[in-house]
Amino acid sequence: MAGLALLAGAAYLAYRFQWRAIAAIAPLCCGLMFFSVAGQSTASLVTPLVLGTAGGLTFRKGAGLKTYLVATTLVLAATMTGNYYYMLIEKKTDMLEISRSEMASVMEQNEAPADLRESILGDFDRHRETIKGVIPFIFFLNALAMSSLAYLGMKVFFLRYTSGPRSAGLEFFRLNDFTIAALISGLAVFLLVDSSRYWHVYSVGLNLLLFSAVFYCIQAVGVIKFMIIKKGLPLFLLPAGFLVLAILGIQALVFTLILLTGFGTLDFWADFRKLGGNSNIRSEQQ
């Protein structure tokens, strides 16, 4: 409830006072980051403030989903990753090890079979180094999920109770042309760098590749939604399609996501919606 209150308060202040609200919210975020005793609670308190501020400005200015989603996801992912390494290096607290202990405790409390517990924990231990290498991407996915949910909630409120400009939705999500450089750079590092000798460089490239791939996957979904709207088809077809993929299994879902990433990347050259560089077109279909 405290998080929702902070989110709503920050969104209202940013919508009402625009950039002036940052003068009050930014010092509060900094204070939480530097003076909170528990690192995990710090991230949980900063998150709604960032989401609310960005959401209020987005709906006041009609900036569009792309601007909001990219900005909040990257800021929160950087904050959470920084908090993780701060706790690891300065506090000697490994949040990954704590997560393993909690996972083992949950399975034990639910009386999971011993062989299942050993299998899951064994897989976790075998892939521990790989998991550590993609810690930024794990936080990136968490930040993306929270940003998306917060956007949907604020969208319902601001479109119902305010008369501000309507911002571009998912159907107009199109990354900046320079973003392709991040994808290509990450892919080059992933393919060319020896992970056994240059693990840290490899890890940076892998996370950069994954970040970019997810955003291009979202862009592909935006293209599909645009086509559905243009053809006058019901919008429920989009979530229904993902539901069917989830039912078919993780292999089908992963394969489709890879195809979507390629399709979203192709949109960089093909520009299927003919948006050019303008992805902040006002959307009347929201």
Protein backbone atom coordinates (compact mmCIF):
# COMPACT_ATOMS: atom_id res chain seq x y z
CA MET A 1 0.00 0.00 0.00
CA ALA A 2 2.88 2.35 0.76
CA GLY A 3 4.26 1.74 -2.73
CA LEU A 4 0.91 2.50 -4.35
CA ALA A 5 0.61 5.69 -2.31
CA LEU A 6 4.08 6.82 -3.39
CA LEU A 7 3.29 5.96 -7.01
CA ALA A 8 0.01 7.89 -6.98
CA GLY A 9 1.53 10.86 -5.15
CA ALA A 10 4.51 11.12 -7.48
CA ALA A 11 2.27 10.76 -10.55
CA TYR A 12 -0.07 13.51 -9.36
CA LEU A 13 2.78 15.89 -8.49
CA ALA A 14 4.50 15.31 -11.83
CA TYR A 15 1.24 15.73 -13.77
CA ARG A 16 0.25 18.84 -11.80
CA PHE A 17 3.60 20.60 -11.49
CA GLN A 18 5.52 18.92 -14.32
CA TRP A 19 9.29 19.33 -14.15
CA ARG A 20 9.10 21.33 -10.93
CA ALA A 21 7.97 18.18 -9.14
CA ILE A 22 11.38 16.63 -9.80
CA ALA A 23 12.92 19.23 -7.48
CA ALA A 24 11.01 17.61 -4.61
CA ILE A 25 11.07 13.96 -5.71
CA ALA A 26 14.72 13.68 -6.79
CA PRO A 27 16.20 14.58 -3.37
CA LEU A 28 13.82 12.11 -1.76
CA CYS A 29 15.04 9.34 -4.07
CA CYS A 30 18.66 10.23 -3.37
CA GLY A 31 18.00 10.21 0.36
CA LEU A 32 16.42 6.77 0.17
CA MET A 33 19.34 5.45 -1.84
CA PHE A 34 22.09 6.76 0.40
CA PHE A 35 20.61 6.69 3.89
CA SER A 36 18.33 3.66 3.98
CA VAL A 37 19.79 0.86 6.06
CA ALA A 38 18.22 -2.05 4.14
CA GLY A 39 19.24 -2.08 0.50
CA GLN A 40 16.25 -4.12 -0.67
CA SER A 41 13.74 -1.74 0.89
CA THR A 42 15.59 1.15 -0.73
CA ALA A 43 14.91 -0.21 -4.19
CA SER A 44 11.28 -0.91 -3.32
CA LEU A 45 10.74 2.67 -2.16
CA VAL A 46 12.56 4.36 -5.03
CA THR A 47 10.74 2.30 -7.67
CA PRO A 48 7.21 3.78 -7.24
CA LEU A 49 8.64 7.29 -7.09
CA VAL A 50 10.46 6.83 -10.41
CA LEU A 51 7.46 5.17 -12.05
CA GLY A 52 5.00 7.76 -10.79
CA THR A 53 7.12 10.75 -11.80
CA ALA A 54 7.78 9.38 -15.27
CA GLY A 55 4.12 8.44 -15.70
CA GLY A 56 2.83 11.83 -14.66
CA LEU A 57 5.15 13.61 -17.09
CA THR A 58 4.35 11.14 -19.86
CA PHE A 59 0.59 11.65 -19.67
CA ARG A 60 0.90 15.42 -19.18
CA LYS A 61 3.15 15.81 -22.23
CA GLY A 62 1.69 12.98 -24.31
CA ALA A 63 5.21 11.62 -24.69
CA GLY A 64 4.21 8.06 -25.61
CA LEU A 65 4.68 4.57 -24.25
CA LYS A 66 8.11 4.17 -25.82
CA THR A 67 9.61 7.12 -23.99
CA TYR A 68 8.12 6.04 -20.68
CA LEU A 69 8.92 2.35 -20.96
CA VAL A 70 12.50 2.69 -22.17
CA ALA A 71 13.38 5.41 -19.64
CA THR A 72 11.83 3.81 -16.56
CA THR A 73 13.03 0.30 -17.37
CA LEU A 74 16.64 1.34 -17.88
CA VAL A 75 16.69 3.64 -14.83
CA LEU A 76 15.17 1.01 -12.53
CA ALA A 77 17.36 -1.77 -13.93
CA ALA A 78 20.45 0.35 -13.28
CA THR A 79 19.24 1.20 -9.77
CA MET A 80 18.50 -2.41 -8.86
CA THR A 81 21.76 -3.66 -10.36
CA GLY A 82 23.73 -1.01 -8.51
CA ASN A 83 21.96 -1.92 -5.29
CA TYR A 84 22.80 -5.62 -5.82
CA TYR A 85 26.51 -4.99 -6.31
CA TYR A 86 26.59 -2.48 -3.46
CA MET A 87 25.16 -5.10 -1.12
CA LEU A 88 27.56 -7.71 -2.49
CA ILE A 89 30.75 -5.64 -2.32
CA GLU A 90 30.17 -3.29 0.62
CA LYS A 91 27.78 -5.28 2.81
CA LYS A 92 29.12 -8.74 1.85
CA THR A 93 25.52 -9.83 1.28
CA ASP A 94 24.85 -11.99 -1.75
CA MET A 95 21.19 -11.54 -2.70
CA LEU A 96 21.54 -14.49 -5.07
CA GLU A 97 22.47 -16.77 -2.19
CA ILE A 98 19.58 -15.40 -0.14
CA SER A 99 17.22 -16.16 -3.04
CA ARG A 100 18.53 -19.73 -3.15
CA SER A 101 17.96 -20.16 0.57
CA GLU A 102 14.43 -18.77 0.32
CA MET A 103 13.67 -21.03 -2.63
CA ALA A 104 14.87 -24.07 -0.68
CA SER A 105 12.83 -23.00 2.34
CA VAL A 106 9.65 -22.59 0.27
CA MET A 107 10.04 -26.03 -1.29
CA GLU A 108 10.65 -27.56 2.12
CA GLN A 109 7.59 -25.86 3.63
CA ASN A 110 5.45 -27.12 0.75
CA GLU A 111 6.87 -30.61 1.26
CA ALA A 112 8.23 -30.89 -2.27
CA PRO A 113 9.77 -34.31 -3.05
CA ALA A 114 13.43 -34.58 -2.06
CA ASP A 115 14.56 -35.54 -5.58
CA LEU A 116 12.76 -32.49 -7.02
CA ARG A 117 14.41 -30.17 -4.48
CA GLU A 118 17.83 -31.62 -5.23
CA SER A 119 17.26 -31.31 -8.96
CA ILE A 120 16.16 -27.65 -8.83
CA LEU A 121 18.86 -26.57 -6.39
CA GLY A 122 21.45 -28.58 -8.30
CA ASP A 123 20.55 -26.82 -11.54
CA PHE A 124 20.72 -23.50 -9.72
CA ASP A 125 24.21 -24.25 -8.42
CA ARG A 126 25.46 -25.46 -11.81
CA HIS A 127 24.28 -22.29 -13.52
CA ARG A 128 25.21 -19.92 -10.70
CA GLU A 129 27.99 -18.17 -12.66
CA THR A 130 25.76 -17.74 -15.69
CA ILE A 131 23.01 -16.31 -13.50
CA LYS A 132 25.49 -13.87 -11.97
CA GLY A 133 26.48 -12.78 -15.47
CA VAL A 134 22.91 -11.86 -16.41
CA ILE A 135 21.94 -10.23 -13.10
CA PRO A 136 21.40 -6.87 -14.90
CA PHE A 137 19.06 -8.58 -17.38
CA ILE A 138 17.09 -10.24 -14.57
CA PHE A 139 16.56 -6.84 -12.95
CA PHE A 140 15.80 -5.42 -16.40
CA LEU A 141 12.92 -7.90 -16.80
CA ASN A 142 11.64 -7.08 -13.30
CA ALA A 143 11.78 -3.36 -14.09
CA LEU A 144 10.03 -3.89 -17.43
CA ALA A 145 7.19 -5.81 -15.77
CA MET A 146 6.72 -3.17 -13.05
CA SER A 147 6.89 -0.31 -15.56
CA SER A 148 4.29 -1.96 -17.78
CA LEU A 149 1.86 -2.62 -14.93
CA ALA A 150 2.29 0.91 -13.56
CA TYR A 151 1.70 2.38 -17.03
CA LEU A 152 -1.55 0.46 -17.44
CA GLY A 153 -2.80 1.62 -14.04
CA MET A 154 -1.88 5.26 -14.62
CA LYS A 155 -3.31 5.15 -18.14
CA VAL A 156 -6.72 4.13 -16.82
CA PHE A 157 -6.67 6.94 -14.27
CA PHE A 158 -5.32 9.80 -16.40
CA LEU A 159 -7.44 9.05 -19.46
CA ARG A 160 -10.58 8.85 -17.34
CA TYR A 161 -10.09 11.82 -15.02
CA THR A 162 -7.93 14.26 -17.02
CA SER A 163 -8.12 15.97 -20.39
CA GLY A 164 -4.44 15.96 -21.26
CA PRO A 165 -3.08 14.93 -24.68
CA ARG A 166 -3.32 11.24 -25.55
CA SER A 167 0.08 9.63 -25.85
CA ALA A 168 1.13 7.04 -28.41
CA GLY A 169 0.46 3.49 -27.29
CA LEU A 170 2.07 0.15 -28.06
CA GLU A 171 0.97 0.29 -31.70
CA PHE A 172 3.33 3.26 -32.23
CA PHE A 173 6.25 1.85 -30.24
CA ARG A 174 9.35 2.36 -32.39
CA LEU A 175 12.89 2.56 -31.08
CA ASN A 176 15.33 5.25 -32.07
CA ASP A 177 17.35 4.27 -35.14
CA PHE A 178 20.57 4.39 -33.13
CA THR A 179 19.32 1.56 -30.90
CA ILE A 180 20.29 -0.95 -33.59
CA ALA A 181 23.92 -0.14 -32.77
CA ALA A 182 23.42 -1.52 -29.24
CA LEU A 183 21.95 -4.74 -30.63
CA ILE A 184 24.76 -5.21 -33.16
CA SER A 185 27.46 -4.39 -30.58
CA GLY A 186 26.03 -6.82 -28.06
CA LEU A 187 25.72 -9.54 -30.70
CA ALA A 188 29.32 -8.98 -31.83
CA VAL A 189 30.64 -9.32 -28.27
CA PHE A 190 28.48 -12.39 -27.67
CA LEU A 191 29.79 -14.13 -30.79
CA LEU A 192 33.42 -13.00 -30.84
CA VAL A 193 34.58 -12.68 -27.22
CA ASP A 194 35.88 -15.75 -25.39
CA SER A 195 33.74 -16.01 -22.25
CA SER A 196 36.31 -18.15 -20.44
CA ARG A 197 39.03 -15.51 -20.79
CA TYR A 198 37.08 -12.25 -20.83
CA TRP A 199 34.00 -13.10 -18.78
CA HIS A 200 33.21 -9.53 -17.68
CA VAL A 201 33.40 -8.16 -21.23
CA TYR A 202 31.32 -11.09 -22.46
CA SER A 203 28.76 -10.47 -19.71
CA VAL A 204 28.39 -6.81 -20.64
CA GLY A 205 27.87 -7.71 -24.29
CA LEU A 206 25.38 -10.44 -23.44
CA ASN A 207 23.28 -8.12 -21.26
CA LEU A 208 23.38 -5.40 -23.93
CA LEU A 209 22.20 -7.94 -26.51
CA LEU A 210 19.38 -9.16 -24.30
CA PHE A 211 18.25 -5.62 -23.40
CA SER A 212 18.07 -4.61 -27.05
CA ALA A 213 16.42 -7.87 -28.12
CA VAL A 214 13.58 -7.44 -25.62
CA PHE A 215 12.88 -3.90 -26.79
CA TYR A 216 12.84 -5.00 -30.43
CA CYS A 217 10.50 -7.83 -29.47
CA ILE A 218 8.15 -5.23 -27.96
CA GLN A 219 8.45 -3.21 -31.18
CA ALA A 220 7.38 -6.28 -33.17
CA VAL A 221 4.32 -6.71 -30.94
CA GLY A 222 3.57 -3.03 -31.56
CA VAL A 223 3.68 -3.62 -35.32
CA ILE A 224 1.27 -6.54 -34.97
CA LYS A 225 -1.12 -4.45 -32.87
CA PHE A 226 -0.92 -1.65 -35.45
CA MET A 227 -1.87 -4.09 -38.21
CA ILE A 228 -4.74 -5.51 -36.15
CA ILE A 229 -6.15 -2.02 -35.58
CA LYS A 230 -5.63 -1.06 -39.23
CA LYS A 231 -7.53 -4.16 -40.41
CA GLY A 232 -10.33 -3.53 -37.91
CA LEU A 233 -9.80 -6.85 -36.13
CA PRO A 234 -10.57 -7.33 -32.41
CA LEU A 235 -7.62 -6.47 -30.17
CA PHE A 236 -8.11 -9.52 -27.97
CA LEU A 237 -6.43 -11.55 -30.72
CA LEU A 238 -3.04 -10.31 -29.55
CA PRO A 239 -3.18 -11.50 -25.90
CA ALA A 240 -5.07 -14.61 -27.03
CA GLY A 241 -2.17 -15.51 -29.29
CA PHE A 242 0.33 -15.28 -26.44
CA LEU A 243 -1.99 -17.33 -24.24
CA VAL A 244 -2.06 -20.08 -26.84
CA LEU A 245 1.75 -20.02 -27.03
CA ALA A 246 1.99 -20.30 -23.26
CA ILE A 247 -0.31 -23.32 -23.35
CA LEU A 248 1.77 -24.92 -26.10
CA GLY A 249 4.83 -24.76 -23.87
CA ILE A 250 8.02 -22.85 -23.16
CA GLN A 251 9.71 -24.05 -26.39
CA ALA A 252 6.96 -22.60 -28.58
CA LEU A 253 6.95 -19.36 -26.59
CA VAL A 254 10.75 -18.91 -26.75
CA PHE A 255 10.83 -19.71 -30.47
CA THR A 256 8.10 -17.15 -31.14
CA LEU A 257 9.87 -14.50 -29.07
CA ILE A 258 13.04 -15.05 -31.10
CA LEU A 259 11.04 -14.64 -34.32
CA LEU A 260 9.44 -11.48 -32.94
CA THR A 261 12.85 -10.06 -32.08
CA GLY A 262 13.99 -10.62 -35.66
CA PHE A 263 10.75 -9.11 -36.97
CA GLY A 264 11.16 -6.06 -34.73
CA THR A 265 14.74 -5.62 -35.91
CA LEU A 266 13.59 -5.89 -39.53
CA ASP A 267 11.16 -3.04 -38.86
CA PHE A 268 14.23 -0.82 -38.43
CA TRP A 269 14.79 -1.07 -42.20
CA ALA A 270 11.31 -1.89 -43.49
CA ASP A 271 9.32 0.55 -41.30
CA PHE A 272 6.12 -1.44 -41.78
CA ARG A 273 3.96 1.29 -40.23
CA LYS A 274 5.62 4.13 -42.17
CA LEU A 275 6.27 6.08 -38.97
CA GLY A 276 9.70 7.34 -39.94
CA GLY A 277 11.43 8.70 -36.85
CA ASN A 278 8.18 9.74 -35.18
CA SER A 279 6.99 7.20 -32.62
CA ASN A 280 5.12 9.74 -30.48
CA ILE A 281 2.12 10.13 -32.77
CA ARG A 282 -1.01 10.71 -30.78
CA SER A 283 -3.00 7.51 -30.59
CA GLU A 284 -6.79 7.63 -30.74
CA GLN A 285 -7.13 3.88 -30.29
CA GLN A 286 -6.08 3.82 -26.64
